[in-house]
Amino acid sequence: MATVTGLSGATVVPQEGRPVIPPVRSCTLPLPVMGYPFCPSGSRLVVKPRFFRSGQNKNGTLGLQVLSAVREMTGSVTNVDGLRIAVVAGRFNELVTKALVAGALETFKRYAIKDENIDVVWVPGSFELALVAQTLAETKRYHSILCIGAVIQGETAHYDAVVNSATSGVLSAGIKSGVPCIFGVLTCETLEQALQRAGGKSGNKGADAAITAIEMASLFHHHLRKLTKHPE
């Protein structure tokens, strides 16, 4: 049985009919391998970058098939040149939401998003976030929309209605517009819980959501825009 050895020293033993993924960008195959007895003993075949799969040839010998390499795409929080981000924030429970917005803006500054590339739009509450987010996204001016709000449990079912509407609405805005709409809405049982997540012991969830907004903006701007239309 042939082995696939990566540059890192890791070795993978192929099993018949199963894919073998080299751990690095190139690999070396000892020859003779997989039904190639004519290769001189000790010869080595260097292939990069490819994936391999062992299988049965028509003549009954085992052969090695070279497959196309898998391309990986991911967003970056360091490659932020030209990124434009909008923040839509609900004024309801503003003691919490102002702290969340402050955390988000501080994070944008830390990751070198320019002030002139950030717009903040205030709406009455979390229920109104989705409509404004979708409207902003459809302008194609922004690479991501960060939605910030705070919904605190009360004695009626109003809490559930607002949370469900905000959650599905923000998701729908992103799907319909093709622009990432990030859900940065706190859903807490008490005001104390919300404050703890708006700069208290549990950190600032506005800052966390801002990092997500940067990464998704980068992913769409630098990678996915090649596959679909997004702002330049």
C-alpha atoms as a PDB file:
ATOM      1  CA  MET A   1       0.000   0.000   0.000  1.00  0.00           C
ATOM      2  CA  ALA A   2       1.376   3.408  -0.980  1.00  0.00           C
ATOM      3  CA  THR A   3       1.552   6.275   1.463  1.00  0.00           C
ATOM      4  CA  VAL A   4       1.035  10.001   0.947  1.00  0.00           C
ATOM      5  CA  THR A   5       3.581  12.033   2.881  1.00  0.00           C
ATOM      6  CA  GLY A   6       3.098  15.783   3.404  1.00  0.00           C
ATOM      7  CA  LEU A   7       5.802  18.345   3.907  1.00  0.00           C
ATOM      8  CA  SER A   8       4.860  18.466   7.575  1.00  0.00           C
ATOM      9  CA  GLY A   9       5.900  14.841   7.931  1.00  0.00           C
ATOM     10  CA  ALA A  10       2.356  13.530   8.373  1.00  0.00           C
ATOM     11  CA  THR A  11       1.645  10.308   6.459  1.00  0.00           C
ATOM     12  CA  VAL A  12      -1.731   9.110   5.180  1.00  0.00           C
ATOM     13  CA  VAL A  13      -2.288   5.535   3.978  1.00  0.00           C
ATOM     14  CA  PRO A  14      -4.808   5.456   1.088  1.00  0.00           C
ATOM     15  CA  GLN A  15      -7.649   2.954   1.283  1.00  0.00           C
ATOM     16  CA  GLU A  16      -9.135   1.616  -1.894  1.00  0.00           C
ATOM     17  CA  GLY A  17     -11.967   3.783  -3.198  1.00  0.00           C
ATOM     18  CA  ARG A  18     -11.610   6.407  -0.460  1.00  0.00           C
ATOM     19  CA  PRO A  19     -10.304   9.965  -0.865  1.00  0.00           C
ATOM     20  CA  VAL A  20      -6.969  10.886   0.642  1.00  0.00           C
ATOM     21  CA  ILE A  21      -6.361  14.551   1.533  1.00  0.00           C
ATOM     22  CA  PRO A  22      -2.704  15.533   1.842  1.00  0.00           C
ATOM     23  CA  PRO A  23      -2.123  17.652   4.969  1.00  0.00           C
ATOM     24  CA  VAL A  24      -0.158  20.291   3.023  1.00  0.00           C
ATOM     25  CA  ARG A  25      -0.068  21.950  -0.385  1.00  0.00           C
ATOM     26  CA  SER A  26       2.181  19.296  -1.950  1.00  0.00           C
ATOM     27  CA  CYS A  27       3.015  15.680  -1.283  1.00  0.00           C
ATOM     28  CA  THR A  28       5.505  13.018  -2.325  1.00  0.00           C
ATOM     29  CA  LEU A  29       4.552   9.494  -3.376  1.00  0.00           C
ATOM     30  CA  PRO A  30       7.097   6.657  -3.112  1.00  0.00           C
ATOM     31  CA  LEU A  31       7.265   4.588  -6.320  1.00  0.00           C
ATOM     32  CA  PRO A  32       6.421   1.921  -7.348  1.00  0.00           C
ATOM     33  CA  VAL A  33       2.880   2.609  -6.160  1.00  0.00           C
ATOM     34  CA  MET A  34      -0.615   1.438  -6.847  1.00  0.00           C
ATOM     35  CA  GLY A  35       0.007  -0.951  -9.763  1.00  0.00           C
ATOM     36  CA  TYR A  36       2.998   0.789 -11.348  1.00  0.00           C
ATOM     37  CA  PRO A  37       5.632  -2.008 -11.034  1.00  0.00           C
ATOM     38  CA  PHE A  38       7.659  -0.573 -13.901  1.00  0.00           C
ATOM     39  CA  CYS A  39       8.833   2.340 -11.754  1.00  0.00           C
ATOM     40  CA  PRO A  40      12.342   1.933 -10.390  1.00  0.00           C
ATOM     41  CA  SER A  41      12.488   1.074  -6.736  1.00  0.00           C
ATOM     42  CA  GLY A  42      13.122   4.147  -4.603  1.00  0.00           C
ATOM     43  CA  SER A  43      11.780   6.595  -7.230  1.00  0.00           C
ATOM     44  CA  ARG A  44       9.550   9.380  -5.925  1.00  0.00           C
ATOM     45  CA  LEU A  45       6.733  11.290  -7.597  1.00  0.00           C
ATOM     46  CA  VAL A  46       6.102  14.875  -6.435  1.00  0.00           C
ATOM     47  CA  VAL A  47       2.626  16.281  -7.076  1.00  0.00           C
ATOM     48  CA  LYS A  48       1.238  19.665  -5.952  1.00  0.00           C
ATOM     49  CA  PRO A  49      -1.325  20.878  -5.139  1.00  0.00           C
ATOM     50  CA  ARG A  50      -3.761  17.990  -5.661  1.00  0.00           C
ATOM     51  CA  PHE A  51      -5.933  15.489  -3.838  1.00  0.00           C
ATOM     52  CA  PHE A  52      -5.696  11.750  -4.442  1.00  0.00           C
ATOM     53  CA  ARG A  53      -8.039   8.793  -4.574  1.00  0.00           C
ATOM     54  CA  SER A  54      -7.094   5.156  -5.006  1.00  0.00           C
ATOM     55  CA  GLY A  55      -9.239   2.887  -7.150  1.00  0.00           C
ATOM     56  CA  GLN A  56      -9.359  -0.085  -9.517  1.00  0.00           C
ATOM     57  CA  ASN A  57      -8.122   0.312 -13.111  1.00  0.00           C
ATOM     58  CA  LYS A  58      -9.728  -1.484 -16.059  1.00  0.00           C
ATOM     59  CA  ASN A  59      -6.862  -3.983 -16.165  1.00  0.00           C
ATOM     60  CA  GLY A  60      -7.483  -4.935 -12.554  1.00  0.00           C
ATOM     61  CA  THR A  61      -4.492  -3.128 -11.089  1.00  0.00           C
ATOM     62  CA  LEU A  62      -4.765  -0.395  -8.502  1.00  0.00           C
ATOM     63  CA  GLY A  63      -4.308   3.117  -9.861  1.00  0.00           C
ATOM     64  CA  LEU A  64      -4.013   6.648  -8.497  1.00  0.00           C
ATOM     65  CA  GLN A  65      -6.456   9.356  -9.628  1.00  0.00           C
ATOM     66  CA  VAL A  66      -5.564  13.044  -9.272  1.00  0.00           C
ATOM     67  CA  LEU A  67      -8.502  15.245  -8.280  1.00  0.00           C
ATOM     68  CA  SER A  68      -8.876  19.013  -8.395  1.00  0.00           C
ATOM     69  CA  ALA A  69      -7.726  20.948  -5.340  1.00  0.00           C
ATOM     70  CA  VAL A  70     -10.386  22.371  -3.032  1.00  0.00           C
ATOM     71  CA  ARG A  71     -10.465  26.159  -2.810  1.00  0.00           C
ATOM     72  CA  GLU A  72     -11.117  27.684   0.589  1.00  0.00           C
ATOM     73  CA  MET A  73     -12.531  31.171   1.133  1.00  0.00           C
ATOM     74  CA  THR A  74     -12.787  33.006   4.430  1.00  0.00           C
ATOM     75  CA  GLY A  75     -13.319  36.552   5.591  1.00  0.00           C
ATOM     76  CA  SER A  76     -10.535  38.594   7.172  1.00  0.00           C
ATOM     77  CA  VAL A  77     -10.550  41.183   9.952  1.00  0.00           C
ATOM     78  CA  THR A  78      -7.235  42.624   8.775  1.00  0.00           C
ATOM     79  CA  ASN A  79      -7.896  43.153   5.069  1.00  0.00           C
ATOM     80  CA  VAL A  80     -10.512  45.882   5.512  1.00  0.00           C
ATOM     81  CA  ASP A  81      -9.589  48.469   2.883  1.00  0.00           C
ATOM     82  CA  GLY A  82     -12.694  49.962   1.310  1.00  0.00           C
ATOM     83  CA  LEU A  83     -15.194  48.136   3.512  1.00  0.00           C
ATOM     84  CA  ARG A  84     -18.373  50.103   4.272  1.00  0.00           C
ATOM     85  CA  ILE A  85     -20.618  49.057   7.133  1.00  0.00           C
ATOM     86  CA  ALA A  86     -23.970  50.354   8.363  1.00  0.00           C
ATOM     87  CA  VAL A  87     -25.206  49.986  11.937  1.00  0.00           C
ATOM     88  CA  VAL A  88     -28.962  49.932  12.523  1.00  0.00           C
ATOM     89  CA  ALA A  89     -29.791  50.328  16.221  1.00  0.00           C
ATOM     90  CA  GLY A  90     -33.024  50.364  18.183  1.00  0.00           C
ATOM     91  CA  ARG A  91     -33.544  53.172  20.716  1.00  0.00           C
ATOM     92  CA  PHE A  92     -35.801  51.048  22.933  1.00  0.00           C
ATOM     93  CA  ASN A  93     -33.803  50.040  26.029  1.00  0.00           C
ATOM     94  CA  GLU A  94     -31.268  52.663  24.965  1.00  0.00           C
ATOM     95  CA  LEU A  95     -29.302  52.285  28.186  1.00  0.00           C
ATOM     96  CA  VAL A  96     -28.282  48.936  26.726  1.00  0.00           C
ATOM     97  CA  THR A  97     -28.261  49.657  23.004  1.00  0.00           C
ATOM     98  CA  LYS A  98     -26.104  52.786  23.289  1.00  0.00           C
ATOM     99  CA  ALA A  99     -23.476  50.713  25.088  1.00  0.00           C
ATOM    100  CA  LEU A 100     -23.703  48.038  22.393  1.00  0.00           C
ATOM    101  CA  VAL A 101     -23.282  50.608  19.619  1.00  0.00           C
ATOM    102  CA  ALA A 102     -20.330  52.156  21.458  1.00  0.00           C
ATOM    103  CA  GLY A 103     -18.707  48.732  21.677  1.00  0.00           C
ATOM    104  CA  ALA A 104     -19.279  48.140  17.969  1.00  0.00           C
ATOM    105  CA  LEU A 105     -17.826  51.509  16.939  1.00  0.00           C
ATOM    106  CA  GLU A 106     -14.791  50.998  19.164  1.00  0.00           C
ATOM    107  CA  THR A 107     -14.212  47.622  17.527  1.00  0.00           C
ATOM    108  CA  PHE A 108     -14.505  49.072  14.016  1.00  0.00           C
ATOM    109  CA  LYS A 109     -11.900  51.669  14.970  1.00  0.00           C
ATOM    110  CA  ARG A 110      -9.607  49.016  16.439  1.00  0.00           C
ATOM    111  CA  TYR A 111      -9.750  47.056  13.186  1.00  0.00           C
ATOM    112  CA  ALA A 112      -9.058  50.159  11.065  1.00  0.00           C
ATOM    113  CA  ILE A 113     -12.507  50.661   9.537  1.00  0.00           C
ATOM    114  CA  LYS A 114     -12.538  54.331   8.587  1.00  0.00           C
ATOM    115  CA  ASP A 115     -15.121  56.584  10.270  1.00  0.00           C
ATOM    116  CA  GLU A 116     -16.334  57.861   6.896  1.00  0.00           C
ATOM    117  CA  ASN A 117     -17.170  54.275   5.914  1.00  0.00           C
ATOM    118  CA  ILE A 118     -19.513  53.748   8.873  1.00  0.00           C
ATOM    119  CA  ASP A 119     -23.105  54.999   9.084  1.00  0.00           C
ATOM    120  CA  VAL A 120     -25.318  54.595  12.172  1.00  0.00           C
ATOM    121  CA  VAL A 121     -29.104  54.677  11.749  1.00  0.00           C
ATOM    122  CA  TRP A 122     -31.366  54.756  14.804  1.00  0.00           C
ATOM    123  CA  VAL A 123     -34.864  53.256  14.714  1.00  0.00           C
ATOM    124  CA  PRO A 124     -37.554  53.081  17.442  1.00  0.00           C
ATOM    125  CA  GLY A 125     -36.932  49.477  18.441  1.00  0.00           C
ATOM    126  CA  SER A 126     -35.851  45.976  17.461  1.00  0.00           C
ATOM    127  CA  PHE A 127     -39.042  45.347  15.494  1.00  0.00           C
ATOM    128  CA  GLU A 128     -38.038  48.031  12.966  1.00  0.00           C
ATOM    129  CA  LEU A 129     -34.467  46.791  12.450  1.00  0.00           C
ATOM    130  CA  ALA A 130     -35.149  44.424   9.571  1.00  0.00           C
ATOM    131  CA  LEU A 131     -36.961  46.863   7.280  1.00  0.00           C
ATOM    132  CA  VAL A 132     -34.268  49.515   7.585  1.00  0.00           C
ATOM    133  CA  ALA A 133     -31.500  46.925   7.265  1.00  0.00           C
ATOM    134  CA  GLN A 134     -32.962  45.603   4.025  1.00  0.00           C
ATOM    135  CA  THR A 135     -33.493  49.134   2.677  1.00  0.00           C
ATOM    136  CA  LEU A 136     -29.852  50.022   3.362  1.00  0.00           C
ATOM    137  CA  ALA A 137     -28.609  46.724   1.940  1.00  0.00           C
ATOM    138  CA  GLU A 138     -30.523  47.225  -1.303  1.00  0.00           C
ATOM    139  CA  THR A 139     -28.682  50.510  -1.914  1.00  0.00           C
ATOM    140  CA  LYS A 140     -25.564  48.340  -2.505  1.00  0.00           C
ATOM    141  CA  ARG A 141     -23.548  50.987  -0.680  1.00  0.00           C
ATOM    142  CA  TYR A 142     -22.624  48.749   2.248  1.00  0.00           C
ATOM    143  CA  HIS A 143     -20.755  45.475   2.512  1.00  0.00           C
ATOM    144  CA  SER A 144     -22.553  44.443   5.700  1.00  0.00           C
ATOM    145  CA  ILE A 145     -25.312  45.711   7.977  1.00  0.00           C
ATOM    146  CA  LEU A 146     -25.037  45.321  11.741  1.00  0.00           C
ATOM    147  CA  CYS A 147     -28.395  45.252  13.543  1.00  0.00           C
ATOM    148  CA  ILE A 148     -28.293  46.119  17.255  1.00  0.00           C
ATOM    149  CA  GLY A 149     -31.147  46.006  19.734  1.00  0.00           C
ATOM    150  CA  ALA A 150     -32.199  44.798  23.161  1.00  0.00           C
ATOM    151  CA  VAL A 151     -35.403  42.932  23.997  1.00  0.00           C
ATOM    152  CA  ILE A 152     -36.078  42.223  27.670  1.00  0.00           C
ATOM    153  CA  GLN A 153     -38.632  39.702  28.925  1.00  0.00           C
ATOM    154  CA  GLY A 154     -41.855  41.201  30.253  1.00  0.00           C
ATOM    155  CA  GLU A 155     -45.078  39.798  31.655  1.00  0.00           C
ATOM    156  CA  THR A 156     -46.827  39.407  28.295  1.00  0.00           C
ATOM    157  CA  ALA A 157     -46.177  37.584  25.017  1.00  0.00           C
ATOM    158  CA  HIS A 158     -44.991  40.813  23.416  1.00  0.00           C
ATOM    159  CA  TYR A 159     -41.396  39.735  24.073  1.00  0.00           C
ATOM    160  CA  ASP A 160     -41.784  36.570  21.986  1.00  0.00           C
ATOM    161  CA  ALA A 161     -43.433  38.432  19.122  1.00  0.00           C
ATOM    162  CA  VAL A 162     -40.663  41.043  18.931  1.00  0.00           C
ATOM    163  CA  VAL A 163     -37.828  38.508  19.256  1.00  0.00           C
ATOM    164  CA  ASN A 164     -39.267  36.218  16.576  1.00  0.00           C
ATOM    165  CA  SER A 165     -39.947  39.106  14.211  1.00  0.00           C
ATOM    166  CA  ALA A 166     -36.502  40.629  14.692  1.00  0.00           C
ATOM    167  CA  THR A 167     -34.709  37.306  14.269  1.00  0.00           C
ATOM    168  CA  SER A 168     -36.520  36.208  11.122  1.00  0.00           C
ATOM    169  CA  GLY A 169     -36.600  39.745   9.738  1.00  0.00           C
ATOM    170  CA  VAL A 170     -32.832  40.316   9.938  1.00  0.00           C
ATOM    171  CA  LEU A 171     -32.192  36.900   8.421  1.00  0.00           C
ATOM    172  CA  SER A 172     -34.671  37.594   5.623  1.00  0.00           C
ATOM    173  CA  ALA A 173     -33.103  40.998   4.917  1.00  0.00           C
ATOM    174  CA  GLY A 174     -29.737  39.384   4.315  1.00  0.00           C
ATOM    175  CA  ILE A 175     -31.139  36.620   2.132  1.00  0.00           C
ATOM    176  CA  LYS A 176     -33.240  38.950  -0.003  1.00  0.00           C
ATOM    177  CA  SER A 177     -30.572  41.607  -0.478  1.00  0.00           C
ATOM    178  CA  GLY A 178     -27.515  39.386  -0.758  1.00  0.00           C
ATOM    179  CA  VAL A 179     -25.733  41.618   1.762  1.00  0.00           C
ATOM    180  CA  PRO A 180     -24.759  40.142   5.157  1.00  0.00           C
ATOM    181  CA  CYS A 181     -27.125  41.398   7.868  1.00  0.00           C
ATOM    182  CA  ILE A 182     -25.686  40.608  11.288  1.00  0.00           C
ATOM    183  CA  PHE A 183     -27.957  39.867  14.257  1.00  0.00           C
ATOM    184  CA  GLY A 184     -26.694  41.822  17.252  1.00  0.00           C
ATOM    185  CA  VAL A 185     -29.900  41.872  19.287  1.00  0.00           C
ATOM    186  CA  LEU A 186     -29.780  40.921  22.971  1.00  0.00           C
ATOM    187  CA  THR A 187     -32.703  38.799  24.177  1.00  0.00           C
ATOM    188  CA  CYS A 188     -32.555  38.734  27.973  1.00  0.00           C
ATOM    189  CA  GLU A 189     -34.800  37.934  30.894  1.00  0.00           C
ATOM    190  CA  THR A 190     -33.775  40.998  32.935  1.00  0.00           C
ATOM    191  CA  LEU A 191     -32.188  44.405  32.479  1.00  0.00           C
ATOM    192  CA  GLU A 192     -29.278  43.236  34.630  1.00  0.00           C
ATOM    193  CA  GLN A 193     -28.549  40.392  32.205  1.00  0.00           C
ATOM    194  CA  ALA A 194     -28.599  42.832  29.296  1.00  0.00           C
ATOM    195  CA  LEU A 195     -26.227  45.278  31.001  1.00  0.00           C
ATOM    196  CA  GLN A 196     -23.802  42.469  31.803  1.00  0.00           C
ATOM    197  CA  ARG A 197     -23.663  41.761  28.032  1.00  0.00           C
ATOM    198  CA  ALA A 198     -23.329  45.419  27.088  1.00  0.00           C
ATOM    199  CA  GLY A 199     -19.946  46.076  28.633  1.00  0.00           C
ATOM    200  CA  GLY A 200     -20.318  44.236  31.939  1.00  0.00           C
ATOM    201  CA  LYS A 201     -18.872  40.951  33.170  1.00  0.00           C
ATOM    202  CA  SER A 202     -20.039  39.097  30.051  1.00  0.00           C
ATOM    203  CA  GLY A 203     -18.283  41.473  27.672  1.00  0.00           C
ATOM    204  CA  ASN A 204     -19.868  43.605  24.990  1.00  0.00           C
ATOM    205  CA  LYS A 205     -21.946  41.696  22.462  1.00  0.00           C
ATOM    206  CA  GLY A 206     -22.009  44.759  20.223  1.00  0.00           C
ATOM    207  CA  ALA A 207     -18.247  44.437  19.859  1.00  0.00           C
ATOM    208  CA  ASP A 208     -18.565  40.719  19.135  1.00  0.00           C
ATOM    209  CA  ALA A 209     -21.188  41.349  16.467  1.00  0.00           C
ATOM    210  CA  ALA A 210     -18.979  44.042  14.921  1.00  0.00           C
ATOM    211  CA  ILE A 211     -16.202  41.506  14.359  1.00  0.00           C
ATOM    212  CA  THR A 212     -18.710  39.242  12.628  1.00  0.00           C
ATOM    213  CA  ALA A 213     -19.810  42.165  10.459  1.00  0.00           C
ATOM    214  CA  ILE A 214     -16.205  42.860   9.419  1.00  0.00           C
ATOM    215  CA  GLU A 215     -15.478  39.220   8.616  1.00  0.00           C
ATOM    216  CA  MET A 216     -18.641  38.762   6.582  1.00  0.00           C
ATOM    217  CA  ALA A 217     -18.078  42.049   4.743  1.00  0.00           C
ATOM    218  CA  SER A 218     -14.570  40.918   3.870  1.00  0.00           C
ATOM    219  CA  LEU A 219     -15.773  37.497   2.725  1.00  0.00           C
ATOM    220  CA  PHE A 220     -18.335  38.987   0.351  1.00  0.00           C
ATOM    221  CA  HIS A 221     -16.148  41.874  -0.836  1.00  0.00           C
ATOM    222  CA  HIS A 222     -12.943  39.948  -1.482  1.00  0.00           C
ATOM    223  CA  HIS A 223     -14.306  36.546  -2.489  1.00  0.00           C
ATOM    224  CA  LEU A 224     -18.014  36.122  -3.094  1.00  0.00           C
ATOM    225  CA  ARG A 225     -18.386  39.280  -5.196  1.00  0.00           C
ATOM    226  CA  LYS A 226     -16.689  37.290  -7.955  1.00  0.00           C
ATOM    227  CA  LEU A 227     -19.638  34.929  -7.925  1.00  0.00           C
ATOM    228  CA  THR A 228     -22.490  37.409  -7.486  1.00  0.00           C
ATOM    229  CA  LYS A 229     -23.044  41.149  -7.647  1.00  0.00           C
ATOM    230  CA  HIS A 230     -22.035  43.108  -4.536  1.00  0.00           C
ATOM    231  CA  PRO A 231     -20.768  46.629  -3.894  1.00  0.00           C
ATOM    232  CA  GLU A 232     -17.250  47.434  -5.128  1.00  0.00           C
END
